[in-house]
N, C-alpha and C. Protein backbone atom coordinates (compact mmCIF):
# COMPACT_ATOMS: atom_id res chain seq x y z
N MET A 1 143.86 -124.32 57.59
CA MET A 1 144.36 -122.98 57.39
C MET A 1 145.89 -123.02 57.42
N SER A 2 146.51 -122.53 56.36
CA SER A 2 147.97 -122.52 56.32
C SER A 2 148.48 -121.19 56.85
N ARG A 3 149.65 -121.25 57.34
CA ARG A 3 150.25 -120.02 57.85
C ARG A 3 151.65 -119.87 57.28
N THR A 4 152.06 -118.63 57.12
CA THR A 4 153.40 -118.33 56.63
C THR A 4 154.27 -117.97 57.83
N VAL A 5 155.35 -118.68 57.97
CA VAL A 5 156.29 -118.41 59.06
C VAL A 5 157.50 -117.73 58.45
N LEU A 6 157.81 -116.53 58.93
CA LEU A 6 158.93 -115.75 58.41
C LEU A 6 160.14 -115.89 59.33
N SER A 7 161.30 -115.83 58.74
CA SER A 7 162.51 -115.73 59.56
C SER A 7 162.62 -114.29 60.07
N VAL A 8 163.45 -114.09 61.03
CA VAL A 8 163.66 -112.73 61.55
C VAL A 8 164.17 -111.83 60.43
N SER A 9 165.08 -112.35 59.62
CA SER A 9 165.62 -111.56 58.51
C SER A 9 164.54 -111.20 57.50
N ALA A 10 163.68 -112.15 57.20
CA ALA A 10 162.62 -111.90 56.22
C ALA A 10 161.64 -110.86 56.75
N LEU A 11 161.26 -110.96 58.02
CA LEU A 11 160.36 -109.98 58.61
C LEU A 11 161.00 -108.59 58.64
N THR A 12 162.29 -108.56 58.94
CA THR A 12 163.01 -107.29 58.94
C THR A 12 162.97 -106.65 57.56
N GLN A 13 163.10 -107.45 56.52
CA GLN A 13 163.04 -106.93 55.15
C GLN A 13 161.64 -106.39 54.83
N VAL A 14 160.60 -107.04 55.33
CA VAL A 14 159.23 -106.56 55.12
C VAL A 14 159.05 -105.19 55.79
N VAL A 15 159.55 -105.09 57.02
CA VAL A 15 159.44 -103.81 57.74
C VAL A 15 160.25 -102.73 57.03
N ARG A 16 161.46 -103.08 56.56
CA ARG A 16 162.29 -102.11 55.83
C ARG A 16 161.56 -101.65 54.57
N GLY A 17 160.91 -102.57 53.87
CA GLY A 17 160.15 -102.21 52.68
C GLY A 17 159.00 -101.28 53.00
N ALA A 18 158.33 -101.50 54.14
CA ALA A 18 157.23 -100.62 54.55
C ALA A 18 157.74 -99.22 54.86
N LEU A 19 158.91 -99.12 55.52
CA LEU A 19 159.50 -97.81 55.79
C LEU A 19 159.89 -97.11 54.49
N ALA A 20 160.49 -97.86 53.57
CA ALA A 20 160.94 -97.28 52.31
C ALA A 20 159.77 -96.84 51.43
N ALA A 21 158.61 -97.45 51.62
CA ALA A 21 157.44 -97.11 50.80
C ALA A 21 156.82 -95.78 51.22
N GLU A 22 157.22 -95.24 52.35
CA GLU A 22 156.67 -93.97 52.83
C GLU A 22 157.66 -92.84 52.52
N PRO A 23 157.41 -92.05 51.45
CA PRO A 23 158.36 -91.01 51.03
C PRO A 23 158.66 -89.98 52.12
N GLN A 24 157.70 -89.71 52.98
CA GLN A 24 157.90 -88.71 54.03
C GLN A 24 159.04 -89.11 54.98
N LEU A 25 159.32 -90.39 55.09
CA LEU A 25 160.36 -90.86 56.00
C LEU A 25 161.76 -90.77 55.41
N GLU A 26 161.85 -90.44 54.13
CA GLU A 26 163.15 -90.28 53.48
C GLU A 26 163.73 -88.88 53.68
N ASP A 27 162.89 -87.93 54.06
CA ASP A 27 163.30 -86.53 54.18
C ASP A 27 162.48 -85.92 55.32
N VAL A 28 162.94 -86.17 56.56
CA VAL A 28 162.12 -85.82 57.71
C VAL A 28 162.87 -84.89 58.67
N PHE A 29 162.15 -83.93 59.21
CA PHE A 29 162.65 -83.06 60.28
C PHE A 29 161.94 -83.47 61.55
N VAL A 30 162.67 -83.56 62.65
CA VAL A 30 162.04 -83.94 63.92
C VAL A 30 162.72 -83.17 65.06
N GLN A 31 161.93 -82.73 66.02
CA GLN A 31 162.45 -81.96 67.14
C GLN A 31 162.24 -82.75 68.43
N GLY A 32 163.22 -82.67 69.32
CA GLY A 32 163.11 -83.33 70.60
C GLY A 32 164.33 -83.05 71.45
N GLU A 33 164.37 -83.71 72.59
CA GLU A 33 165.48 -83.53 73.54
C GLU A 33 166.48 -84.66 73.39
N VAL A 34 167.75 -84.30 73.36
CA VAL A 34 168.84 -85.27 73.22
C VAL A 34 169.09 -85.95 74.57
N SER A 35 169.24 -87.28 74.54
CA SER A 35 169.63 -88.01 75.75
C SER A 35 170.46 -89.22 75.36
N ASN A 36 171.11 -89.81 76.34
CA ASN A 36 171.89 -91.05 76.16
C ASN A 36 172.94 -90.92 75.06
N ILE A 37 173.67 -89.82 75.02
CA ILE A 37 174.69 -89.63 73.99
C ILE A 37 175.83 -90.62 74.17
N SER A 38 176.26 -91.18 73.05
CA SER A 38 177.43 -92.06 73.02
C SER A 38 178.31 -91.61 71.87
N ARG A 39 179.59 -91.41 72.18
CA ARG A 39 180.56 -91.00 71.16
C ARG A 39 181.70 -92.03 71.12
N PRO A 40 181.52 -93.12 70.39
CA PRO A 40 182.59 -94.13 70.33
C PRO A 40 183.78 -93.63 69.52
N GLN A 41 184.84 -94.39 69.52
CA GLN A 41 186.06 -94.00 68.81
C GLN A 41 185.86 -93.87 67.31
N SER A 42 184.81 -94.44 66.78
CA SER A 42 184.53 -94.35 65.34
C SER A 42 184.30 -92.90 64.91
N GLY A 43 183.94 -92.03 65.87
CA GLY A 43 183.64 -90.65 65.54
C GLY A 43 182.17 -90.40 65.25
N HIS A 44 181.36 -91.47 65.23
CA HIS A 44 179.93 -91.32 65.04
C HIS A 44 179.28 -90.85 66.34
N LEU A 45 178.07 -90.34 66.24
CA LEU A 45 177.33 -89.90 67.42
C LEU A 45 176.04 -90.71 67.48
N TYR A 46 175.85 -91.44 68.58
CA TYR A 46 174.64 -92.20 68.80
C TYR A 46 173.90 -91.56 69.97
N PHE A 47 172.59 -91.42 69.86
CA PHE A 47 171.82 -90.80 70.93
C PHE A 47 170.34 -91.14 70.77
N THR A 48 169.57 -90.76 71.78
CA THR A 48 168.13 -90.92 71.75
C THR A 48 167.51 -89.54 71.70
N LEU A 49 166.50 -89.37 70.86
CA LEU A 49 165.74 -88.12 70.81
C LEU A 49 164.39 -88.43 71.45
N LYS A 50 163.97 -87.59 72.39
CA LYS A 50 162.72 -87.91 73.09
C LYS A 50 161.87 -86.67 73.29
N ASP A 51 160.59 -86.92 73.51
CA ASP A 51 159.67 -85.87 73.95
C ASP A 51 158.89 -86.45 75.13
N ALA A 52 157.78 -85.84 75.47
CA ALA A 52 157.04 -86.26 76.67
C ALA A 52 156.52 -87.68 76.60
N SER A 53 156.27 -88.21 75.39
CA SER A 53 155.63 -89.52 75.32
C SER A 53 156.29 -90.54 74.41
N ALA A 54 157.41 -90.22 73.80
CA ALA A 54 158.05 -91.18 72.90
C ALA A 54 159.56 -90.93 72.82
N SER A 55 160.28 -91.92 72.30
CA SER A 55 161.72 -91.77 72.08
C SER A 55 162.09 -92.41 70.75
N LEU A 56 163.21 -91.96 70.20
CA LEU A 56 163.65 -92.39 68.88
C LEU A 56 165.17 -92.53 68.90
N ARG A 57 165.67 -93.68 68.47
CA ARG A 57 167.12 -93.85 68.36
C ARG A 57 167.62 -93.10 67.14
N CYS A 58 168.82 -92.52 67.29
CA CYS A 58 169.39 -91.71 66.21
C CYS A 58 170.88 -92.00 66.08
N VAL A 59 171.38 -91.85 64.86
CA VAL A 59 172.81 -91.93 64.61
C VAL A 59 173.18 -90.82 63.63
N CYS A 60 174.29 -90.15 63.93
CA CYS A 60 174.86 -89.15 63.02
C CYS A 60 176.28 -89.61 62.74
N PHE A 61 176.53 -90.00 61.49
CA PHE A 61 177.85 -90.52 61.15
C PHE A 61 178.88 -89.40 61.13
N ARG A 62 180.13 -89.79 61.34
CA ARG A 62 181.25 -88.85 61.47
C ARG A 62 181.29 -87.81 60.35
N GLY A 63 181.07 -88.22 59.12
CA GLY A 63 181.12 -87.28 58.00
C GLY A 63 180.10 -86.17 58.11
N ASN A 64 178.89 -86.50 58.55
CA ASN A 64 177.85 -85.47 58.73
C ASN A 64 178.10 -84.67 60.00
N LEU A 65 178.61 -85.32 61.04
CA LEU A 65 178.86 -84.64 62.31
C LEU A 65 179.93 -83.56 62.17
N ALA A 66 180.83 -83.74 61.21
CA ALA A 66 181.89 -82.74 60.99
C ALA A 66 181.32 -81.38 60.59
N PHE A 67 180.09 -81.35 60.06
CA PHE A 67 179.49 -80.10 59.62
C PHE A 67 178.57 -79.49 60.67
N VAL A 68 178.50 -80.09 61.84
CA VAL A 68 177.69 -79.54 62.94
C VAL A 68 178.61 -78.62 63.74
N PRO A 69 178.32 -77.29 63.77
CA PRO A 69 179.27 -76.35 64.37
C PRO A 69 179.26 -76.31 65.90
N PHE A 70 178.39 -77.07 66.55
CA PHE A 70 178.37 -77.10 68.00
C PHE A 70 178.40 -78.56 68.44
N ARG A 71 178.58 -78.76 69.73
CA ARG A 71 178.65 -80.12 70.28
C ARG A 71 177.32 -80.45 70.94
N PRO A 72 176.55 -81.38 70.36
CA PRO A 72 175.29 -81.77 70.99
C PRO A 72 175.53 -82.36 72.38
N GLU A 73 174.66 -82.00 73.32
CA GLU A 73 174.80 -82.45 74.71
C GLU A 73 173.47 -82.98 75.21
N ASN A 74 173.52 -83.85 76.21
CA ASN A 74 172.31 -84.36 76.83
C ASN A 74 171.47 -83.20 77.37
N GLY A 75 170.16 -83.28 77.16
CA GLY A 75 169.25 -82.25 77.65
C GLY A 75 169.00 -81.13 76.67
N MET A 76 169.76 -81.08 75.59
CA MET A 76 169.62 -80.02 74.58
C MET A 76 168.43 -80.34 73.67
N THR A 77 167.63 -79.32 73.36
CA THR A 77 166.54 -79.49 72.41
C THR A 77 167.07 -79.14 71.02
N VAL A 78 166.87 -80.04 70.08
CA VAL A 78 167.42 -79.88 68.74
C VAL A 78 166.38 -80.19 67.68
N VAL A 79 166.67 -79.74 66.46
CA VAL A 79 165.90 -80.12 65.28
C VAL A 79 166.85 -80.94 64.41
N LEU A 80 166.43 -82.14 64.08
CA LEU A 80 167.25 -83.05 63.27
C LEU A 80 166.64 -83.18 61.89
N HIS A 81 167.50 -83.43 60.91
CA HIS A 81 167.05 -83.78 59.58
C HIS A 81 167.70 -85.10 59.21
N GLY A 82 166.94 -85.96 58.56
CA GLY A 82 167.50 -87.22 58.14
C GLY A 82 166.47 -88.13 57.51
N ARG A 83 166.76 -89.42 57.56
CA ARG A 83 165.86 -90.42 56.98
C ARG A 83 165.70 -91.57 57.97
N MET A 84 164.51 -92.13 57.97
CA MET A 84 164.22 -93.27 58.83
C MET A 84 164.61 -94.55 58.10
N ASP A 85 165.20 -95.46 58.84
CA ASP A 85 165.53 -96.77 58.27
C ASP A 85 165.60 -97.78 59.41
N LEU A 86 165.81 -99.01 59.04
CA LEU A 86 165.86 -100.09 60.00
C LEU A 86 167.29 -100.57 60.14
N TYR A 87 167.75 -100.70 61.38
CA TYR A 87 169.06 -101.27 61.67
C TYR A 87 168.84 -102.76 61.88
N ASP A 88 169.23 -103.56 60.90
CA ASP A 88 168.93 -105.00 60.90
C ASP A 88 169.42 -105.71 62.15
N GLN A 89 170.69 -105.52 62.49
CA GLN A 89 171.27 -106.30 63.58
C GLN A 89 170.62 -106.01 64.93
N GLY A 90 170.20 -104.78 65.14
CA GLY A 90 169.56 -104.46 66.39
C GLY A 90 168.06 -104.61 66.35
N GLY A 91 167.51 -104.73 65.14
CA GLY A 91 166.07 -104.84 64.99
C GLY A 91 165.34 -103.57 65.35
N ASN A 92 166.02 -102.43 65.24
CA ASN A 92 165.46 -101.14 65.64
C ASN A 92 165.30 -100.23 64.44
N TYR A 93 164.22 -99.49 64.43
CA TYR A 93 164.16 -98.41 63.46
C TYR A 93 164.84 -97.21 64.09
N GLN A 94 165.52 -96.41 63.27
CA GLN A 94 166.23 -95.26 63.80
C GLN A 94 166.33 -94.18 62.75
N LEU A 95 166.64 -92.98 63.22
CA LEU A 95 166.81 -91.84 62.33
C LEU A 95 168.29 -91.72 61.99
N TYR A 96 168.59 -91.76 60.71
CA TYR A 96 169.95 -91.53 60.23
C TYR A 96 170.06 -90.03 59.97
N VAL A 97 170.76 -89.34 60.85
CA VAL A 97 170.78 -87.88 60.90
C VAL A 97 171.86 -87.33 59.97
N ASP A 98 171.48 -86.32 59.15
CA ASP A 98 172.50 -85.65 58.34
C ASP A 98 172.70 -84.20 58.74
N SER A 99 171.82 -83.64 59.59
CA SER A 99 172.07 -82.29 60.12
C SER A 99 171.39 -82.14 61.48
N ILE A 100 172.03 -81.32 62.32
CA ILE A 100 171.54 -81.05 63.67
C ILE A 100 171.58 -79.55 63.89
N GLU A 101 170.45 -78.99 64.34
CA GLU A 101 170.38 -77.56 64.67
C GLU A 101 169.83 -77.44 66.08
N PRO A 102 170.35 -76.48 66.85
CA PRO A 102 169.74 -76.26 68.15
C PRO A 102 168.38 -75.59 67.96
N ALA A 103 167.41 -75.95 68.78
CA ALA A 103 166.09 -75.33 68.68
C ALA A 103 166.11 -74.02 69.47
N GLY A 104 165.75 -72.93 68.82
CA GLY A 104 165.63 -71.65 69.51
C GLY A 104 166.90 -70.83 69.57
N VAL A 105 168.06 -71.43 69.38
CA VAL A 105 169.32 -70.69 69.43
C VAL A 105 170.08 -71.02 68.15
N GLY A 106 170.74 -70.03 67.57
CA GLY A 106 171.52 -70.28 66.37
C GLY A 106 172.70 -71.19 66.65
N ALA A 107 173.07 -72.00 65.69
CA ALA A 107 174.17 -72.94 65.85
C ALA A 107 175.48 -72.24 66.14
N LEU A 108 175.74 -71.13 65.46
CA LEU A 108 177.00 -70.42 65.69
C LEU A 108 177.03 -69.78 67.07
N ALA A 109 175.91 -69.22 67.51
CA ALA A 109 175.85 -68.63 68.84
C ALA A 109 176.09 -69.70 69.90
N LEU A 110 175.51 -70.87 69.70
CA LEU A 110 175.71 -71.96 70.64
C LEU A 110 177.16 -72.42 70.63
N ALA A 111 177.77 -72.49 69.45
CA ALA A 111 179.17 -72.90 69.34
C ALA A 111 180.07 -71.92 70.09
N VAL A 112 179.79 -70.63 69.96
CA VAL A 112 180.59 -69.61 70.66
C VAL A 112 180.44 -69.78 72.17
N GLU A 113 179.22 -69.98 72.64
CA GLU A 113 179.00 -70.17 74.08
C GLU A 113 179.71 -71.42 74.60
N GLN A 114 179.65 -72.49 73.83
CA GLN A 114 180.33 -73.72 74.24
C GLN A 114 181.83 -73.52 74.28
N ARG A 115 182.38 -72.79 73.32
CA ARG A 115 183.82 -72.52 73.29
C ARG A 115 184.23 -71.67 74.48
N LYS A 116 183.41 -70.65 74.82
CA LYS A 116 183.71 -69.81 75.98
C LYS A 116 183.74 -70.63 77.27
N LYS A 117 182.76 -71.53 77.42
CA LYS A 117 182.74 -72.40 78.61
C LYS A 117 184.00 -73.26 78.67
N GLN A 118 184.40 -73.79 77.53
CA GLN A 118 185.59 -74.64 77.47
C GLN A 118 186.84 -73.84 77.85
N LEU A 119 186.97 -72.64 77.30
CA LEU A 119 188.14 -71.80 77.60
C LEU A 119 188.16 -71.38 79.06
N HIS A 120 186.97 -71.08 79.62
CA HIS A 120 186.89 -70.75 81.05
C HIS A 120 187.32 -71.94 81.90
N ALA A 121 186.83 -73.13 81.53
CA ALA A 121 187.16 -74.34 82.28
C ALA A 121 188.66 -74.62 82.25
N GLU A 122 189.32 -74.29 81.15
CA GLU A 122 190.76 -74.49 81.02
C GLU A 122 191.55 -73.37 81.66
N GLY A 123 190.85 -72.33 82.14
CA GLY A 123 191.52 -71.21 82.79
C GLY A 123 192.13 -70.21 81.83
N LEU A 124 191.84 -70.34 80.55
CA LEU A 124 192.47 -69.47 79.56
C LEU A 124 191.87 -68.07 79.51
N LEU A 125 190.69 -67.88 80.09
CA LEU A 125 190.08 -66.55 80.11
C LEU A 125 190.19 -65.91 81.50
N ASP A 126 191.04 -66.47 82.34
CA ASP A 126 191.24 -65.94 83.68
C ASP A 126 191.87 -64.54 83.58
N PRO A 127 191.28 -63.54 84.23
CA PRO A 127 191.83 -62.18 84.15
C PRO A 127 193.29 -62.09 84.60
N ALA A 128 193.72 -62.96 85.47
CA ALA A 128 195.10 -62.95 85.94
C ALA A 128 196.08 -63.31 84.82
N ARG A 129 195.60 -64.00 83.80
CA ARG A 129 196.47 -64.40 82.68
C ARG A 129 196.57 -63.33 81.60
N LYS A 130 195.72 -62.32 81.68
CA LYS A 130 195.71 -61.30 80.62
C LYS A 130 197.00 -60.48 80.67
N ARG A 131 197.49 -60.13 79.50
CA ARG A 131 198.66 -59.27 79.38
C ARG A 131 198.25 -57.97 78.72
N GLN A 132 198.88 -56.92 79.13
CA GLN A 132 198.62 -55.61 78.54
C GLN A 132 199.17 -55.61 77.11
N LEU A 133 198.35 -55.13 76.19
CA LEU A 133 198.83 -54.99 74.81
C LEU A 133 199.71 -53.76 74.71
N PRO A 134 200.80 -53.85 73.94
CA PRO A 134 201.67 -52.67 73.79
C PRO A 134 200.94 -51.58 72.99
N LEU A 135 201.32 -50.33 73.27
CA LEU A 135 200.72 -49.22 72.54
C LEU A 135 201.01 -49.35 71.05
N LEU A 136 202.25 -49.70 70.73
CA LEU A 136 202.65 -49.89 69.33
C LEU A 136 203.32 -51.26 69.21
N PRO A 137 203.13 -51.93 68.09
CA PRO A 137 203.76 -53.24 67.93
C PRO A 137 205.27 -53.11 67.74
N ALA A 138 206.03 -54.10 68.24
CA ALA A 138 207.48 -54.09 68.06
C ALA A 138 207.85 -54.56 66.66
N ARG A 139 207.01 -55.42 66.07
CA ARG A 139 207.32 -55.96 64.75
C ARG A 139 206.02 -56.16 63.98
N VAL A 140 206.07 -55.84 62.68
CA VAL A 140 204.95 -56.07 61.77
C VAL A 140 205.47 -56.94 60.64
N VAL A 141 204.76 -58.03 60.35
CA VAL A 141 205.12 -58.92 59.26
C VAL A 141 204.13 -58.68 58.13
N VAL A 142 204.66 -58.39 56.94
CA VAL A 142 203.83 -58.12 55.77
C VAL A 142 204.07 -59.25 54.77
N VAL A 143 203.01 -59.96 54.42
CA VAL A 143 203.10 -61.05 53.47
C VAL A 143 202.46 -60.57 52.18
N THR A 144 203.30 -60.27 51.19
CA THR A 144 202.81 -59.73 49.92
C THR A 144 203.90 -59.81 48.86
N SER A 145 203.57 -59.33 47.69
CA SER A 145 204.55 -59.25 46.61
C SER A 145 205.58 -58.18 46.96
N PRO A 146 206.88 -58.48 46.81
CA PRO A 146 207.90 -57.49 47.16
C PRO A 146 207.96 -56.30 46.20
N SER A 147 207.31 -56.42 45.06
CA SER A 147 207.38 -55.33 44.08
C SER A 147 206.08 -54.54 43.95
N GLY A 148 205.10 -54.85 44.79
CA GLY A 148 203.80 -54.19 44.65
C GLY A 148 203.75 -52.82 45.31
N ALA A 149 202.84 -51.99 44.83
CA ALA A 149 202.63 -50.66 45.41
C ALA A 149 202.07 -50.76 46.82
N ALA A 150 201.33 -51.82 47.11
CA ALA A 150 200.75 -52.00 48.44
C ALA A 150 201.85 -52.08 49.50
N LEU A 151 202.94 -52.77 49.19
CA LEU A 151 204.04 -52.88 50.15
C LEU A 151 204.64 -51.52 50.44
N ARG A 152 204.88 -50.71 49.41
CA ARG A 152 205.44 -49.37 49.61
C ARG A 152 204.51 -48.53 50.49
N ASP A 153 203.20 -48.65 50.27
CA ASP A 153 202.24 -47.90 51.08
C ASP A 153 202.29 -48.33 52.55
N VAL A 154 202.34 -49.61 52.78
CA VAL A 154 202.38 -50.12 54.16
C VAL A 154 203.65 -49.64 54.86
N ILE A 155 204.78 -49.77 54.21
CA ILE A 155 206.04 -49.34 54.81
C ILE A 155 206.01 -47.84 55.11
N THR A 156 205.50 -47.03 54.19
CA THR A 156 205.43 -45.58 54.40
C THR A 156 204.58 -45.24 55.62
N VAL A 157 203.42 -45.86 55.75
CA VAL A 157 202.53 -45.55 56.88
C VAL A 157 203.15 -46.01 58.20
N ILE A 158 203.75 -47.20 58.23
CA ILE A 158 204.37 -47.69 59.47
C ILE A 158 205.54 -46.79 59.87
N ARG A 159 206.38 -46.41 58.92
CA ARG A 159 207.53 -45.55 59.23
C ARG A 159 207.08 -44.19 59.76
N ARG A 160 205.97 -43.69 59.22
CA ARG A 160 205.48 -42.38 59.65
C ARG A 160 204.86 -42.45 61.05
N ARG A 161 204.09 -43.51 61.32
CA ARG A 161 203.38 -43.60 62.60
C ARG A 161 204.21 -44.21 63.72
N SER A 162 205.13 -45.09 63.40
CA SER A 162 205.92 -45.76 64.43
C SER A 162 207.29 -46.12 63.88
N PRO A 163 208.20 -45.15 63.84
CA PRO A 163 209.50 -45.38 63.21
C PRO A 163 210.34 -46.47 63.90
N ILE A 164 210.02 -46.84 65.14
CA ILE A 164 210.81 -47.87 65.83
C ILE A 164 210.31 -49.28 65.57
N THR A 165 209.18 -49.42 64.86
CA THR A 165 208.62 -50.74 64.57
C THR A 165 209.45 -51.44 63.50
N ASP A 166 209.83 -52.68 63.80
CA ASP A 166 210.58 -53.51 62.86
C ASP A 166 209.60 -54.05 61.81
N ILE A 167 209.97 -53.98 60.53
CA ILE A 167 209.12 -54.47 59.45
C ILE A 167 209.81 -55.66 58.81
N VAL A 168 209.09 -56.78 58.74
CA VAL A 168 209.58 -58.00 58.10
C VAL A 168 208.70 -58.25 56.89
N VAL A 169 209.32 -58.37 55.71
CA VAL A 169 208.58 -58.64 54.48
C VAL A 169 208.78 -60.10 54.11
N VAL A 170 207.66 -60.81 53.95
CA VAL A 170 207.70 -62.19 53.48
C VAL A 170 207.20 -62.15 52.04
N PRO A 171 208.10 -62.34 51.09
CA PRO A 171 207.68 -62.24 49.68
C PRO A 171 206.90 -63.48 49.23
N VAL A 172 205.76 -63.22 48.58
CA VAL A 172 204.97 -64.28 47.99
C VAL A 172 204.44 -63.81 46.64
N GLN A 173 204.13 -64.77 45.80
CA GLN A 173 203.49 -64.44 44.54
C GLN A 173 202.00 -64.33 44.78
N VAL A 174 201.43 -63.17 44.48
CA VAL A 174 200.03 -62.93 44.80
C VAL A 174 199.08 -63.12 43.63
N GLN A 175 199.61 -63.22 42.43
CA GLN A 175 198.76 -63.51 41.28
C GLN A 175 199.57 -64.17 40.19
N GLY A 176 198.87 -64.79 39.26
CA GLY A 176 199.53 -65.45 38.15
C GLY A 176 199.94 -66.87 38.48
N GLU A 177 200.73 -67.46 37.59
CA GLU A 177 201.18 -68.84 37.73
C GLU A 177 202.00 -68.99 39.01
N GLY A 178 201.66 -70.00 39.82
CA GLY A 178 202.41 -70.25 41.05
C GLY A 178 201.84 -69.58 42.29
N SER A 179 200.82 -68.75 42.12
CA SER A 179 200.21 -68.12 43.30
C SER A 179 199.22 -69.09 43.94
N ALA A 180 198.98 -68.87 45.23
CA ALA A 180 198.03 -69.73 45.95
C ALA A 180 196.62 -69.41 45.49
N PRO A 181 195.74 -70.43 45.41
CA PRO A 181 194.35 -70.15 45.03
C PRO A 181 193.66 -69.35 46.13
N PRO A 182 192.73 -68.48 45.76
CA PRO A 182 192.00 -67.72 46.78
C PRO A 182 191.14 -68.65 47.61
N LYS A 183 190.82 -68.23 48.84
CA LYS A 183 189.94 -69.03 49.69
C LYS A 183 188.62 -69.22 48.97
N GLY A 184 188.08 -70.44 49.08
CA GLY A 184 186.80 -70.71 48.43
C GLY A 184 186.98 -71.25 47.02
N GLY A 185 188.24 -71.52 46.65
CA GLY A 185 188.48 -72.10 45.34
C GLY A 185 189.00 -71.07 44.37
N GLY A 186 189.00 -71.41 43.12
CA GLY A 186 189.53 -70.50 42.10
C GLY A 186 190.83 -71.03 41.57
N SER A 187 191.31 -70.41 40.52
CA SER A 187 192.49 -70.91 39.84
C SER A 187 193.77 -70.38 40.44
N GLY A 188 193.72 -69.23 41.15
CA GLY A 188 194.94 -68.65 41.66
C GLY A 188 195.71 -67.90 40.60
N ARG A 189 195.12 -67.68 39.46
CA ARG A 189 195.82 -67.01 38.37
C ARG A 189 195.44 -65.55 38.26
N GLY A 190 194.90 -65.01 39.31
CA GLY A 190 194.56 -63.58 39.29
C GLY A 190 193.25 -63.32 38.62
N PRO A 191 192.89 -62.04 38.48
CA PRO A 191 191.62 -61.69 37.86
C PRO A 191 191.59 -62.08 36.40
N PRO A 192 190.43 -62.38 35.86
CA PRO A 192 190.33 -62.78 34.46
C PRO A 192 190.68 -61.64 33.53
């Protein structure tokens, strides 16, 4: 009886081929609890996703992590999207994550809560640091075309409601050649 002896590399390729042959593993959603987070200087996020009876190694590369609006933390339950593949050097199968969502809480709501905790920890939301807002502003800066009707309207209303307010006009081109493109793209050449 003859036997085939494979090298570690050859066996790894066989396993990789078996993973690639399963289309469901190319586009998979999985939910679990985050643990063992590692954030090396590369900017990638390495962690383990686990449930009551299993665990899965995961990596979210820096480019994909930039689009996650909250900071994943140990103990957080999340829903991940990605693809399964084999990491040759470690001999481990892992989930290559392209999106992370918190389970049960919206990502933006979680991001706001995390930011509030951070600001509290830094003392920036301490009531002792709060300053009273003035009843009327001392100065208003208007960034617009110096020849537009909108500027005349703004100046008229400010002069009527608060004649002591200083008005600073920063002239910019708001349409046509040389104007800044609108947020979200566009030519910056004004309406068609």
